[in-house]
Amino acid sequence: MAPRDDPEQTSVDTKDVNEKQAEIHVAVVTDEVDTGAQLVAGTVVEVDPQEALRVRRKIDWHIMPLMCTIYWVQYMDKLTLGNAAILGLKTATHLTTNQYNWLGTIFYISYLVFELPQNLALQRLPNSINIFIWGAAMACHAACKNFGGLLACRFVLGICEGSVTPGFMVVTSMFYTRKEQTLRVGYWFMMNGTAQIILGFVSFGSLHTHTPNFEPWQWHTHNDGVRLVVITGAITIVSSLAFWVMFPDSPTNAWFLTHEERVIAVQRLKARVNQTGVENKHFKKEQFYEALLDPKTWLFFLFSALDNVPNSLTNQTQIIMDSFGFTNLQTTLFSLLSGAIELLTISSGVNLATRLSNARAYVGVCWYLPTLLGILLVNLLPWSDKAGLLCGQELTNISVTAFVLALSWVTNVTAGHTKKVTVNAIMLIGYCVGNSAGPFMWQAQYVPRNHVPWTIFGICYVCCMGLLLIIRSMLARENRKRDLEPRDMTYDDVYIEVLLADGTRVERKVEKEYLDLTDIQNRDFRYVL
């Protein structure tokens, strides 16, 4: 016979349980949690895989075309400077080699200086404002007659375009799961290759068209009396208006999704392997400082800086090809090949990294190997071997895949909206540092073989390979450490106040994924490798 419960003891036990529950029950201010919390708080919905796939396809069709268009126009702007150089820009505007290098550098200096403020502003202001100003600045290139005018326009372009890549990184992480992000970043980054191909055709046309009173480079910026930069600027301005009207802030208010579809769009992001929400528009100092103190932040910064020192080839490739002995027509046509190689290598790289489990670093390292071979060919082949030099030069386009993988990887391994925005900004500051230093590697005394810059680029790429493996090793070690820890239940019982349709205020439980926790705070978070 079981012993009878002691009423007094039972009362004490019940009191203890209630006190413990009161301690665990934590109410938080709505502003502190993820925007998705208000939408899904208190609901436990098992998302149907087919419905999740349908919603994802709907998101793809509504946001990817606009993102790809903006990124395409952005890279067109950057390439115009290099293409115009071989058509007489430097001579017509009386630019010295040093001044021409400064046109490439000033863009990244302004990009660097305004990168962090721009990223923090993205939490509150729409990116369409930057895109509109950038389009106007691009159109203003048409009025430039000398170094000073070009320098001013490039400075403004750097300020505005500095928000595009980090903004797209955040948006991609808001709408897609970590597995899907790698492929989507690849999609919009492939627009760089598309821009190379299109500008190659434009330059080809300029070499076969004579317009009275215009130099070839000027025709390159004129088409039947209307300057290409004005057209490009107009496209950008129109795109900014479309971006403002049609691009949603997040899945929680996407105009093209029904309420039920918004819930699915948010719920599908919270899978255990994801452990991420959507966004939080409030700046959190503690997340900002955590980003600054996190070692992986600075490893990604260093990787980005070293990887982009060789990116000065963007504005030098046409000149280098010309020095190999190819005609302007041949050099321009080869830019079509460069764009096609970039499209092929990025597509294959991101698809392979998506299909293989935890292989981002390994794929990135493998895609550096052909580039290192290309650098060796350019340095060691006899100057008379034009075909070999061309092959080496084109192989250097393959390494861009590693940077694309790193862009998606850094968003995959960072949680907490303020932290993510800060880390993205720091990585892109590294991008600016590398791009600012790169143009000054090209000096007149190194022409025509340019052994010094090519050697520096090779060393940078070898260091990048090592950094990818170091980051992977560090994150894998942290995952193993968390697997051995007892489960952290600190955030298992958190509630927010929700206003119902009838005006009633009720408390709803919020799952950990929607608390806007950082990857360090959330011990259930696991780093993808």
Protein backbone atom coordinates (compact mmCIF):
# COMPACT_ATOMS: atom_id res chain seq x y z
CA MET A 1 0.00 0.00 0.00
CA ALA A 2 1.44 3.37 -1.05
CA PRO A 3 2.04 5.89 1.73
CA ARG A 4 -0.40 8.82 1.96
CA ASP A 5 0.87 12.20 0.85
CA ASP A 6 1.54 14.67 3.61
CA PRO A 7 -0.73 17.70 2.84
CA GLU A 8 1.77 20.13 4.32
CA GLN A 9 4.65 18.64 2.34
CA THR A 10 2.55 18.70 -0.87
CA SER A 11 1.77 22.37 -0.33
CA VAL A 12 5.46 23.17 0.06
CA ASP A 13 6.40 21.19 -3.06
CA THR A 14 3.72 22.97 -5.10
CA LYS A 15 4.97 26.34 -3.88
CA ASP A 16 8.54 25.46 -4.88
CA VAL A 17 7.43 24.38 -8.35
CA ASN A 18 5.44 27.60 -8.85
CA GLU A 19 8.42 29.70 -7.77
CA LYS A 20 10.70 27.85 -10.18
CA GLN A 21 8.22 28.33 -13.01
CA ALA A 22 7.99 32.04 -12.20
CA GLU A 23 11.77 32.26 -12.37
CA ILE A 24 11.87 30.45 -15.72
CA HIS A 25 8.94 32.40 -17.25
CA VAL A 26 10.62 35.43 -18.81
CA ALA A 27 8.70 38.24 -20.46
CA VAL A 28 10.65 40.31 -22.97
CA VAL A 29 9.92 43.54 -24.82
CA THR A 30 8.69 42.86 -28.34
CA ASP A 31 11.38 45.12 -29.80
CA GLU A 32 14.06 42.81 -28.43
CA VAL A 33 12.94 39.77 -30.41
CA ASP A 34 12.94 38.88 -34.08
CA THR A 35 10.27 40.43 -36.33
CA GLY A 36 9.04 36.92 -37.07
CA ALA A 37 8.11 36.44 -33.41
CA GLN A 38 4.93 38.54 -33.65
CA LEU A 39 3.82 36.51 -36.65
CA VAL A 40 4.38 33.01 -35.25
CA ALA A 41 4.52 33.43 -31.45
CA GLY A 42 2.53 30.75 -29.65
CA THR A 43 1.98 28.69 -32.80
CA VAL A 44 3.43 25.25 -33.30
CA VAL A 45 3.03 24.44 -36.98
CA GLU A 46 4.59 21.52 -38.80
CA VAL A 47 5.39 23.02 -42.19
CA ASP A 48 4.48 20.76 -45.11
CA PRO A 49 7.61 20.31 -47.28
CA GLN A 50 5.65 20.77 -50.50
CA GLU A 51 4.07 23.98 -49.21
CA ALA A 52 7.48 25.25 -48.08
CA LEU A 53 8.87 24.52 -51.56
CA ARG A 54 5.95 26.34 -53.20
CA VAL A 55 6.48 29.41 -51.01
CA ARG A 56 10.22 29.37 -51.67
CA ARG A 57 9.63 29.32 -55.42
CA LYS A 58 7.24 32.25 -55.06
CA ILE A 59 9.92 34.16 -53.16
CA ASP A 60 12.49 33.30 -55.84
CA TRP A 61 10.32 34.67 -58.64
CA HIS A 62 9.57 37.92 -56.82
CA ILE A 63 12.92 38.97 -55.32
CA MET A 64 15.75 37.26 -57.23
CA PRO A 65 15.17 39.02 -60.60
CA LEU A 66 15.33 42.45 -58.96
CA MET A 67 18.41 41.55 -56.91
CA CYS A 68 20.14 40.18 -60.01
CA THR A 69 19.30 43.32 -62.03
CA ILE A 70 20.73 45.63 -59.36
CA TYR A 71 23.91 43.58 -59.04
CA TRP A 72 24.31 43.41 -62.80
CA VAL A 73 24.09 47.20 -63.17
CA GLN A 74 26.49 47.70 -60.26
CA TYR A 75 29.21 45.61 -61.89
CA MET A 76 28.58 47.22 -65.28
CA ASP A 77 29.49 50.53 -63.63
CA LYS A 78 32.76 49.14 -62.30
CA LEU A 79 33.80 47.57 -65.61
CA THR A 80 33.08 50.67 -67.68
CA LEU A 81 36.27 52.32 -66.39
CA GLY A 82 38.51 49.45 -67.53
CA ASN A 83 36.82 49.07 -70.93
CA ALA A 84 36.98 52.79 -71.62
CA ALA A 85 40.71 52.84 -70.83
CA ILE A 86 41.72 50.84 -73.91
CA LEU A 87 39.46 53.01 -76.08
CA GLY A 88 41.30 56.24 -75.25
CA LEU A 89 39.93 57.45 -71.91
CA LYS A 90 43.36 57.97 -70.35
CA THR A 91 44.64 59.97 -73.31
CA ALA A 92 41.51 62.03 -73.90
CA THR A 93 41.23 63.10 -70.25
CA HIS A 94 45.02 63.42 -69.83
CA LEU A 95 45.20 60.86 -67.03
CA THR A 96 48.56 59.69 -65.75
CA THR A 97 48.98 56.05 -64.68
CA ASN A 98 48.82 57.15 -61.06
CA GLN A 99 45.62 59.15 -61.61
CA TYR A 100 44.00 56.22 -63.39
CA ASN A 101 44.90 53.99 -60.44
CA TRP A 102 43.34 56.55 -58.09
CA LEU A 103 40.02 56.30 -59.95
CA GLY A 104 39.96 52.64 -58.96
CA THR A 105 41.18 53.28 -55.42
CA ILE A 106 38.94 56.25 -54.49
CA PHE A 107 35.86 54.12 -55.12
CA TYR A 108 36.98 51.62 -52.48
CA ILE A 109 38.21 54.28 -50.04
CA SER A 110 34.75 55.86 -49.88
CA TYR A 111 33.25 52.37 -49.85
CA LEU A 112 35.47 51.56 -46.84
CA VAL A 113 34.83 54.77 -44.87
CA PHE A 114 31.05 54.55 -45.21
CA GLU A 115 30.69 50.75 -45.05
CA LEU A 116 29.89 50.40 -41.34
CA PRO A 117 27.54 53.44 -41.15
CA GLN A 118 25.76 52.25 -44.28
CA ASN A 119 25.28 48.75 -42.87
CA LEU A 120 23.92 50.01 -39.57
CA ALA A 121 21.58 52.33 -41.47
CA LEU A 122 20.21 49.31 -43.35
CA GLN A 123 18.44 48.28 -40.13
CA ARG A 124 16.19 51.35 -40.44
CA LEU A 125 16.39 52.82 -43.97
CA PRO A 126 15.53 51.23 -47.36
CA ASN A 127 18.41 50.40 -49.69
CA SER A 128 16.53 52.01 -52.57
CA ILE A 129 17.76 55.47 -51.43
CA ASN A 130 21.38 54.44 -51.97
CA ILE A 131 20.56 52.86 -55.32
CA PHE A 132 18.83 56.05 -56.53
CA ILE A 133 21.79 58.31 -55.59
CA TRP A 134 24.22 55.83 -57.13
CA GLY A 135 22.26 55.94 -60.42
CA ALA A 136 22.39 59.74 -60.44
CA ALA A 137 26.14 59.70 -59.74
CA MET A 138 26.68 57.23 -62.58
CA ALA A 139 24.82 59.48 -65.01
CA CYS A 140 26.97 62.43 -63.90
CA HIS A 141 30.05 60.67 -65.35
CA ALA A 142 28.81 61.91 -68.70
CA ALA A 143 29.75 65.48 -67.80
CA CYS A 144 33.30 64.65 -66.67
CA LYS A 145 36.13 66.08 -68.75
CA ASN A 146 39.09 65.62 -66.42
CA PHE A 147 40.53 63.72 -63.46
CA GLY A 148 38.81 65.85 -60.81
CA GLY A 149 35.31 65.25 -62.15
CA LEU A 150 35.85 61.52 -62.55
CA LEU A 151 37.31 61.31 -59.03
CA ALA A 152 34.27 63.02 -57.49
CA CYS A 153 31.81 60.73 -59.26
CA ARG A 154 33.75 57.62 -58.30
CA PHE A 155 33.80 58.77 -54.66
CA VAL A 156 30.00 59.10 -54.55
CA LEU A 157 29.60 55.74 -56.29
CA GLY A 158 31.71 54.10 -53.58
CA ILE A 159 29.54 55.57 -50.81
CA CYS A 160 26.31 54.30 -52.35
CA GLU A 161 27.38 50.95 -53.79
CA GLY A 162 28.89 50.00 -50.44
CA SER A 163 25.43 49.08 -49.18
CA VAL A 164 24.49 46.75 -52.04
CA THR A 165 26.51 43.57 -51.35
CA PRO A 166 26.08 43.55 -47.54
CA GLY A 167 22.42 44.47 -47.95
CA PHE A 168 21.90 41.55 -50.32
CA MET A 169 23.74 39.24 -47.91
CA VAL A 170 21.31 40.17 -45.13
CA VAL A 171 18.26 39.89 -47.40
CA THR A 172 19.34 36.45 -48.60
CA SER A 173 19.70 35.26 -45.00
CA MET A 174 16.21 36.64 -44.19
CA PHE A 175 14.37 34.78 -46.96
CA TYR A 176 16.34 31.55 -47.31
CA THR A 177 17.61 28.69 -45.17
CA ARG A 178 21.34 28.33 -44.66
CA LYS A 179 21.52 25.55 -47.25
CA GLU A 180 19.68 27.66 -49.82
CA GLN A 181 21.72 30.81 -49.23
CA THR A 182 24.90 29.57 -50.92
CA LEU A 183 23.09 29.00 -54.20
CA ARG A 184 21.19 32.31 -54.05
CA VAL A 185 24.33 34.35 -53.34
CA GLY A 186 25.84 32.60 -56.36
CA TYR A 187 22.85 33.59 -58.50
CA TRP A 188 23.14 37.33 -57.90
CA PHE A 189 26.94 37.32 -57.90
CA MET A 190 26.94 35.63 -61.33
CA MET A 191 25.59 38.90 -62.70
CA ASN A 192 29.22 40.09 -62.64
CA GLY A 193 30.01 37.62 -65.42
CA THR A 194 26.89 38.67 -67.31
CA ALA A 195 28.00 42.30 -67.08
CA GLN A 196 31.40 41.43 -68.55
CA ILE A 197 29.74 39.75 -71.53
CA ILE A 198 27.34 42.62 -72.19
CA LEU A 199 30.03 45.28 -71.92
CA GLY A 200 32.19 43.20 -74.25
CA PHE A 201 29.49 43.45 -76.90
CA VAL A 202 29.10 47.18 -76.27
CA SER A 203 32.84 47.74 -76.65
CA PHE A 204 32.87 45.60 -79.78
CA GLY A 205 30.19 47.81 -81.28
CA SER A 206 32.10 50.96 -80.35
CA LEU A 207 35.16 49.78 -82.24
CA HIS A 208 33.13 49.31 -85.41
CA THR A 209 31.24 52.58 -85.28
CA HIS A 210 32.59 56.01 -86.11
CA THR A 211 30.83 59.08 -84.79
CA PRO A 212 32.20 62.47 -85.88
CA ASN A 213 33.83 64.56 -83.17
CA PHE A 214 34.01 61.63 -80.72
CA GLU A 215 36.96 59.53 -79.66
CA PRO A 216 36.42 55.73 -79.54
CA TRP A 217 36.22 55.81 -75.73
CA GLN A 218 33.69 58.61 -75.99
CA TRP A 219 31.62 56.58 -78.39
CA HIS A 220 31.88 53.87 -75.81
CA THR A 221 29.93 56.27 -73.64
CA HIS A 222 27.78 57.53 -76.52
CA ASN A 223 25.18 55.67 -78.54
CA ASP A 224 23.42 57.76 -81.18
CA GLY A 225 24.14 60.86 -79.13
CA VAL A 226 23.00 59.38 -75.81
CA ARG A 227 25.78 58.44 -73.44
CA LEU A 228 25.96 54.91 -72.17
CA VAL A 229 26.63 56.13 -68.65
CA VAL A 230 23.41 58.12 -68.80
CA ILE A 231 21.56 55.02 -69.95
CA THR A 232 23.19 52.92 -67.22
CA GLY A 233 22.38 55.60 -64.66
CA ALA A 234 18.78 55.75 -65.86
CA ILE A 235 18.46 51.97 -65.59
CA THR A 236 19.79 52.20 -62.03
CA ILE A 237 17.36 54.98 -61.08
CA VAL A 238 14.39 53.06 -62.51
CA SER A 239 15.60 49.94 -60.69
CA SER A 240 15.78 51.90 -57.43
CA LEU A 241 12.16 52.97 -57.82
CA ALA A 242 11.13 49.38 -58.57
CA PHE A 243 13.17 48.24 -55.57
CA TRP A 244 11.42 50.77 -53.32
CA VAL A 245 7.92 49.82 -54.51
CA MET A 246 8.28 46.07 -55.00
CA PHE A 247 10.98 44.80 -52.65
CA PRO A 248 9.69 43.74 -49.21
CA ASP A 249 11.50 44.47 -45.94
CA SER A 250 11.24 40.83 -44.86
CA PRO A 251 9.08 37.71 -45.23
CA THR A 252 6.83 39.03 -42.44
CA ASN A 253 5.44 41.82 -44.65
CA ALA A 254 6.10 40.56 -48.20
CA TRP A 255 3.29 41.98 -50.33
CA PHE A 256 3.22 38.97 -52.64
CA LEU A 257 2.62 36.45 -49.82
CA THR A 258 -0.67 35.77 -48.06
CA HIS A 259 -0.74 35.71 -44.25
CA GLU A 260 -0.55 31.92 -44.27
CA GLU A 261 2.37 31.99 -46.71
CA ARG A 262 4.22 34.50 -44.55
CA VAL A 263 3.91 32.15 -41.59
CA ILE A 264 5.30 29.32 -43.71
CA ALA A 265 8.11 31.55 -45.03
CA VAL A 266 9.15 32.37 -41.46
CA GLN A 267 8.56 28.92 -39.97
CA ARG A 268 10.69 27.16 -42.57
CA LEU A 269 13.71 29.24 -41.47
CA LYS A 270 13.64 27.97 -37.91
CA ALA A 271 14.59 24.33 -38.44
CA ARG A 272 17.02 22.95 -35.89
CA VAL A 273 19.88 23.08 -38.39
CA ASN A 274 19.08 26.73 -39.09
CA GLN A 275 18.45 28.24 -35.63
CA THR A 276 17.87 31.68 -37.19
CA GLY A 277 14.93 34.05 -37.47
CA VAL A 278 14.32 36.95 -39.86
CA GLU A 279 15.57 40.33 -38.58
CA ASN A 280 15.48 42.88 -35.78
CA LYS A 281 15.49 46.59 -36.63
CA HIS A 282 16.94 47.72 -33.29
CA PHE A 283 20.65 48.23 -32.77
CA LYS A 284 22.00 46.10 -29.91
CA LYS A 285 25.28 47.26 -28.42
CA GLU A 286 26.07 43.90 -26.87
CA GLN A 287 25.83 42.21 -30.29
CA PHE A 288 27.99 44.91 -31.86
CA TYR A 289 30.74 44.35 -29.27
CA GLU A 290 30.43 40.58 -29.59
CA ALA A 291 31.03 40.91 -33.33
CA LEU A 292 34.20 42.92 -32.67
CA LEU A 293 35.50 40.35 -30.18
CA ASP A 294 34.64 37.23 -32.19
CA PRO A 295 37.85 35.77 -33.74
CA LYS A 296 36.08 34.51 -36.85
CA THR A 297 35.02 38.07 -37.69
CA TRP A 298 38.64 39.04 -38.21
CA LEU A 299 39.55 35.84 -40.01
CA PHE A 300 36.86 36.61 -42.57
CA PHE A 301 38.10 40.21 -42.69
CA LEU A 302 41.66 39.06 -43.41
CA PHE A 303 40.44 36.58 -46.02
CA SER A 304 38.40 39.27 -47.76
CA ALA A 305 41.29 41.75 -47.78
CA LEU A 306 43.83 39.29 -49.20
CA ASP A 307 41.42 37.80 -51.72
CA ASN A 308 40.61 41.23 -53.16
CA VAL A 309 44.11 42.61 -53.59
CA PRO A 310 44.16 40.78 -56.97
CA ASN A 311 40.71 42.22 -57.77
CA SER A 312 42.51 45.23 -59.24
CA LEU A 313 42.62 43.05 -62.36
CA THR A 314 39.05 44.28 -62.96
CA ASN A 315 40.38 47.59 -64.26
CA GLN A 316 43.73 46.23 -65.52
CA THR A 317 42.71 43.15 -67.52
CA GLN A 318 41.99 45.02 -70.74
CA ILE A 319 45.33 46.84 -70.54
CA ILE A 320 47.22 43.62 -69.72
CA MET A 321 45.66 41.80 -72.68
CA ASP A 322 46.59 44.72 -74.88
CA SER A 323 50.21 44.41 -73.67
CA PHE A 324 50.23 40.73 -74.69
CA GLY A 325 50.01 41.98 -78.25
CA PHE A 326 46.32 41.48 -78.94
CA THR A 327 44.42 44.12 -80.88
CA ASN A 328 41.72 46.21 -79.23
CA LEU A 329 39.11 44.13 -81.03
CA GLN A 330 40.63 40.84 -79.83
CA THR A 331 41.04 42.17 -76.29
CA THR A 332 37.42 43.25 -76.19
CA LEU A 333 36.18 39.90 -77.49
CA PHE A 334 38.21 38.06 -74.85
CA SER A 335 36.17 39.84 -72.18
CA LEU A 336 33.23 37.74 -73.40
CA LEU A 337 35.28 34.64 -72.60
CA SER A 338 36.15 35.99 -69.15
CA GLY A 339 32.50 36.58 -68.35
CA ALA A 340 31.53 33.10 -69.55
CA ILE A 341 34.26 31.50 -67.40
CA GLU A 342 33.05 33.40 -64.34
CA LEU A 343 29.46 32.28 -64.92
CA LEU A 344 30.53 28.65 -65.33
CA THR A 345 32.90 28.52 -62.35
CA ILE A 346 30.58 30.30 -59.88
CA SER A 347 27.64 28.14 -60.94
CA SER A 348 29.60 24.90 -60.60
CA GLY A 349 31.21 25.97 -57.31
CA VAL A 350 28.05 27.01 -55.46
CA ASN A 351 26.13 23.99 -56.73
CA LEU A 352 28.86 21.63 -55.55
CA ALA A 353 29.10 23.36 -52.16
CA THR A 354 25.31 23.09 -51.79
CA ARG A 355 25.22 19.39 -52.66
CA LEU A 356 28.19 18.35 -50.51
CA SER A 357 27.83 18.45 -46.75
CA ASN A 358 30.11 20.88 -44.90
CA ALA A 359 32.42 21.35 -47.89
CA ARG A 360 32.49 25.12 -48.42
CA ALA A 361 36.13 25.53 -47.42
CA TYR A 362 37.26 22.53 -49.45
CA VAL A 363 35.45 23.69 -52.60
CA GLY A 364 36.93 27.18 -52.18
CA VAL A 365 40.46 25.79 -51.86
CA CYS A 366 40.02 23.60 -54.96
CA TRP A 367 38.78 26.56 -57.03
CA TYR A 368 41.96 28.50 -56.16
CA LEU A 369 44.22 25.88 -57.74
CA PRO A 370 43.50 26.75 -61.42
CA THR A 371 44.11 30.43 -60.61
CA LEU A 372 47.52 29.65 -59.12
CA LEU A 373 48.32 27.70 -62.29
CA GLY A 374 47.28 30.72 -64.35
CA ILE A 375 49.58 33.02 -62.37
CA LEU A 376 52.50 30.63 -62.95
CA LEU A 377 51.79 30.56 -66.69
CA VAL A 378 51.66 34.36 -66.97
CA ASN A 379 54.92 34.67 -65.05
CA LEU A 380 56.93 31.85 -66.62
CA LEU A 381 55.83 31.46 -70.23
CA PRO A 382 57.86 33.28 -72.92
CA TRP A 383 56.38 36.60 -73.95
CA SER A 384 55.97 35.29 -77.49
CA ASP A 385 53.53 32.56 -76.38
CA LYS A 386 50.37 34.60 -76.74
CA ALA A 387 48.04 31.60 -76.51
CA GLY A 388 49.66 30.42 -73.28
CA LEU A 389 49.58 33.90 -71.74
CA LEU A 390 45.92 34.23 -72.68
CA CYS A 391 45.15 30.86 -71.08
CA GLY A 392 46.95 31.89 -67.87
CA GLN A 393 45.13 35.22 -67.74
CA GLU A 394 41.71 33.59 -68.17
CA LEU A 395 42.41 30.99 -65.47
CA THR A 396 42.69 33.81 -62.92
CA ASN A 397 38.92 34.37 -63.23
CA ILE A 398 38.14 31.04 -61.52
CA SER A 399 39.14 32.05 -57.98
CA VAL A 400 36.17 34.43 -57.64
CA THR A 401 34.10 31.38 -56.64
CA ALA A 402 35.93 31.19 -53.29
CA PHE A 403 34.91 34.75 -52.42
CA VAL A 404 31.29 34.02 -53.34
CA LEU A 405 31.33 30.99 -51.03
CA ALA A 406 32.84 33.11 -48.26
CA LEU A 407 30.07 35.73 -48.62
CA SER A 408 27.38 33.12 -48.06
CA TRP A 409 29.43 31.30 -45.41
CA VAL A 410 29.85 34.36 -43.17
CA THR A 411 26.08 34.88 -43.08
CA ASN A 412 25.56 31.15 -42.42
CA VAL A 413 27.79 31.17 -39.33
CA THR A 414 26.63 34.47 -37.81
CA ALA A 415 23.38 34.96 -35.90
CA GLY A 416 21.84 38.01 -34.21
CA HIS A 417 20.78 40.76 -36.60
CA THR A 418 23.04 43.55 -35.31
CA LYS A 419 25.96 41.13 -35.11
CA LYS A 420 25.31 39.86 -38.62
CA VAL A 421 25.14 43.38 -40.05
CA THR A 422 28.36 44.32 -38.22
CA VAL A 423 30.27 41.22 -39.32
CA ASN A 424 29.13 41.72 -42.92
CA ALA A 425 30.35 45.30 -42.78
CA ILE A 426 33.75 44.29 -41.38
CA MET A 427 34.17 41.64 -44.06
CA LEU A 428 33.29 44.18 -46.76
CA ILE A 429 35.72 46.66 -45.19
CA GLY A 430 38.36 43.99 -45.78
CA TYR A 431 37.11 43.84 -49.37
CA CYS A 432 37.69 47.59 -49.63
CA VAL A 433 41.18 47.41 -48.10
CA GLY A 434 42.24 44.79 -50.65
CA ASN A 435 40.71 46.65 -53.58
CA SER A 436 42.23 49.96 -52.44
CA ALA A 437 45.74 48.51 -52.21
CA GLY A 438 45.55 46.44 -55.40
CA PRO A 439 45.73 49.18 -58.07
CA PHE A 440 49.04 50.46 -56.72
CA MET A 441 50.67 47.10 -57.41
CA TRP A 442 50.62 48.06 -61.07
CA GLN A 443 53.53 50.42 -61.67
CA ALA A 444 55.13 51.54 -64.93
CA GLN A 445 58.50 49.98 -63.99
CA TYR A 446 56.93 46.50 -63.87
CA VAL A 447 55.61 46.63 -67.44
CA PRO A 448 55.26 44.50 -69.49
CA ARG A 449 55.71 41.27 -67.49
CA ASN A 450 54.39 42.66 -64.19
CA HIS A 451 56.20 39.95 -62.22
CA VAL A 452 55.89 41.82 -58.91
CA PRO A 453 52.08 42.21 -58.86
CA TRP A 454 51.51 38.69 -60.17
CA THR A 455 53.76 37.23 -57.47
CA ILE A 456 51.98 39.22 -54.75
CA PHE A 457 48.64 37.97 -56.05
CA GLY A 458 49.83 34.38 -55.91
CA ILE A 459 50.95 34.80 -52.29
CA CYS A 460 47.57 36.36 -51.40
CA TYR A 461 45.68 33.41 -52.85
CA VAL A 462 47.82 30.84 -51.02
CA CYS A 463 47.15 32.69 -47.75
CA CYS A 464 43.39 32.69 -48.53
CA MET A 465 43.45 28.92 -48.98
CA GLY A 466 45.04 28.58 -45.55
CA LEU A 467 42.52 30.95 -43.95
CA LEU A 468 39.54 28.97 -45.28
CA LEU A 469 40.93 25.80 -43.73
CA ILE A 470 41.70 27.57 -40.44
CA ILE A 471 38.13 28.97 -40.21
CA ARG A 472 36.70 25.53 -40.93
CA SER A 473 38.89 23.87 -38.29
CA MET A 474 37.95 26.48 -35.66
CA LEU A 475 34.22 26.16 -36.32
CA ALA A 476 34.35 22.36 -36.36
CA ARG A 477 36.08 22.41 -32.98
CA GLU A 478 33.38 24.70 -31.57
CA ASN A 479 30.65 22.36 -32.88
CA ARG A 480 32.27 19.39 -31.14
CA LYS A 481 32.51 21.41 -27.93
CA ARG A 482 28.79 22.28 -28.03
CA ASP A 483 27.84 18.67 -28.73
CA LEU A 484 29.41 17.70 -25.40
CA GLU A 485 27.69 20.46 -23.40
CA PRO A 486 24.46 19.82 -21.46
CA ARG A 487 21.52 21.46 -23.21
CA ASP A 488 21.14 25.14 -22.33
CA MET A 489 17.52 25.82 -21.28
CA THR A 490 18.00 29.52 -20.49
CA TYR A 491 15.79 30.65 -23.37
CA ASP A 492 13.25 27.82 -23.39
CA ASP A 493 10.42 29.71 -21.67
CA VAL A 494 10.28 33.25 -23.05
CA TYR A 495 7.07 35.17 -23.75
CA ILE A 496 6.05 38.37 -25.54
CA GLU A 497 2.84 40.35 -25.38
CA VAL A 498 0.75 40.06 -28.54
CA LEU A 499 -2.20 42.32 -29.52
CA LEU A 500 -5.10 40.26 -30.89
CA ALA A 501 -7.57 41.46 -33.52
CA ASP A 502 -10.20 42.23 -30.87
CA GLY A 503 -7.78 44.44 -28.93
CA THR A 504 -7.00 41.88 -26.25
CA ARG A 505 -3.39 41.63 -25.10
CA VAL A 506 -2.11 38.14 -24.39
CA GLU A 507 1.26 36.59 -23.70
CA ARG A 508 2.57 34.14 -26.27
CA LYS A 509 5.55 31.85 -25.99
CA VAL A 510 8.45 32.60 -28.34
CA GLU A 511 10.73 29.88 -29.60
CA LYS A 512 14.47 30.36 -29.21
CA GLU A 513 15.01 30.91 -32.93
CA TYR A 514 13.00 34.16 -32.79
CA LEU A 515 14.78 35.77 -29.84
CA ASP A 516 17.42 37.40 -32.06
CA LEU A 517 20.18 35.55 -30.21
CA THR A 518 23.73 35.53 -31.51
CA ASP A 519 25.50 32.35 -32.56
CA ILE A 520 27.45 32.49 -29.28
CA GLN A 521 24.39 33.07 -27.06
CA ASN A 522 22.40 30.25 -28.66
CA ARG A 523 24.21 27.06 -27.70
CA ASP A 524 21.90 25.03 -29.98
CA PHE A 525 23.40 26.87 -32.96
CA ARG A 526 25.76 24.73 -35.04
CA TYR A 527 28.19 26.19 -37.55
CA VAL A 528 28.02 24.98 -41.15
CA LEU A 529 31.38 24.06 -42.56
